[in-house]
Amino acid sequence: MSQETEKVVSDHQAATRIYDGIIYVMHTRGGDGSVVPRYIGKSETLVKASGVLSANLKRLATDTSKFGRGTTTTHIISEISVP
């Protein structure tokens, strides 16, 4: 994940605009070891309101505590039910 984050951050700093963010999958393992997708999300490169580089992406290599959270309670992964 940190390699992909570095690509997005470097792309933003170079203003090449190749990447829009990172798509990620939150998952669990099935009884047979298979991957069971629970949530697919996208971390945006820019903060919509200000247009600056997302702090979540900027510091993801050292702080993962805020990655994968949405902006409202309906988007926060911890509140997604897992059957």
Protein backbone atom coordinates (compact mmCIF):
# COMPACT_ATOMS: atom_id res chain seq x y z
CA MET A 1 0.00 0.00 0.00
CA SER A 2 2.80 2.41 0.83
CA GLN A 3 4.34 1.93 -2.65
CA GLU A 4 1.06 2.81 -4.31
CA THR A 5 0.57 5.78 -2.02
CA GLU A 6 4.03 7.06 -2.93
CA LYS A 7 3.07 6.90 -6.62
CA VAL A 8 -0.01 9.04 -6.00
CA VAL A 9 1.84 11.56 -3.82
CA SER A 10 4.73 11.83 -6.32
CA ASP A 11 2.25 12.24 -9.16
CA HIS A 12 0.57 15.09 -7.28
CA GLN A 13 3.88 16.80 -6.50
CA ALA A 14 4.98 16.55 -10.13
CA ALA A 15 1.55 17.79 -11.31
CA THR A 16 1.37 14.99 -13.89
CA ARG A 17 -2.19 14.04 -12.85
CA ILE A 18 -1.90 10.39 -13.79
CA TYR A 19 -3.59 9.14 -10.61
CA ASP A 20 -6.85 10.22 -8.96
CA GLY A 21 -6.38 8.22 -5.76
CA ILE A 22 -6.19 4.66 -4.51
CA ILE A 23 -8.89 2.01 -4.80
CA TYR A 24 -8.82 -0.46 -1.93
CA VAL A 25 -10.76 -3.53 -0.81
CA MET A 26 -11.58 -4.32 2.79
CA HIS A 27 -12.07 -8.06 3.12
CA THR A 28 -12.26 -11.07 5.38
CA ARG A 29 -11.20 -14.64 4.70
CA GLY A 30 -13.76 -17.34 4.03
CA GLY A 31 -13.62 -20.71 5.75
CA ASP A 32 -11.67 -22.09 2.81
CA GLY A 33 -9.17 -19.20 2.88
CA SER A 34 -10.76 -17.36 -0.03
CA VAL A 35 -11.04 -13.57 -0.02
CA VAL A 36 -14.56 -12.31 0.75
CA PRO A 37 -14.87 -8.63 -0.28
CA ARG A 38 -16.77 -6.50 2.27
CA TYR A 39 -16.16 -2.96 1.07
CA ILE A 40 -14.52 -1.28 -1.92
CA GLY A 41 -13.41 2.28 -1.41
CA LYS A 42 -11.43 5.03 -3.06
CA SER A 43 -9.11 7.40 -1.31
CA GLU A 44 -9.10 10.68 -3.22
CA THR A 45 -5.82 12.42 -4.02
CA LEU A 46 -7.20 15.90 -3.33
CA VAL A 47 -9.42 17.26 -0.58
CA LYS A 48 -12.55 18.39 -2.44
CA ALA A 49 -13.13 21.58 -0.47
CA SER A 50 -9.58 22.95 -0.71
CA GLY A 51 -7.92 21.10 -3.59
CA VAL A 52 -4.82 20.26 -1.54
CA LEU A 53 -3.21 16.84 -1.24
CA SER A 54 -5.14 14.58 1.11
CA ALA A 55 -3.45 14.38 4.51
CA ASN A 56 -4.48 10.72 4.70
CA LEU A 57 -2.41 9.91 1.61
CA LYS A 58 0.40 12.27 2.53
CA ARG A 59 1.10 10.55 5.84
CA LEU A 60 -0.11 7.01 5.14
CA ALA A 61 3.42 5.60 5.30
CA THR A 62 3.66 6.62 8.96
CA ASP A 63 0.04 6.88 10.15
CA THR A 64 -2.68 4.48 8.99
CA SER A 65 -5.21 5.46 11.68
CA LYS A 66 -7.35 7.61 9.39
CA PHE A 67 -7.10 5.65 6.15
CA GLY A 68 -10.30 4.08 4.88
CA ARG A 69 -12.68 6.39 6.73
CA GLY A 70 -15.38 8.34 4.99
CA THR A 71 -16.53 11.85 5.72
CA THR A 72 -19.85 10.89 7.26
CA THR A 73 -20.93 8.15 9.64
CA THR A 74 -22.53 6.29 6.75
CA HIS A 75 -19.11 5.90 5.15
CA ILE A 76 -17.01 4.92 8.15
CA ILE A 77 -15.81 1.37 7.70
CA SER A 78 -16.16 0.48 11.35
CA GLU A 79 -19.91 0.88 10.97
CA ILE A 80 -20.28 -1.40 7.97
CA SER A 81 -22.00 -4.59 9.00
CA VAL A 82 -20.38 -7.90 8.21
CA PRO A 83 -22.87 -10.77 7.80
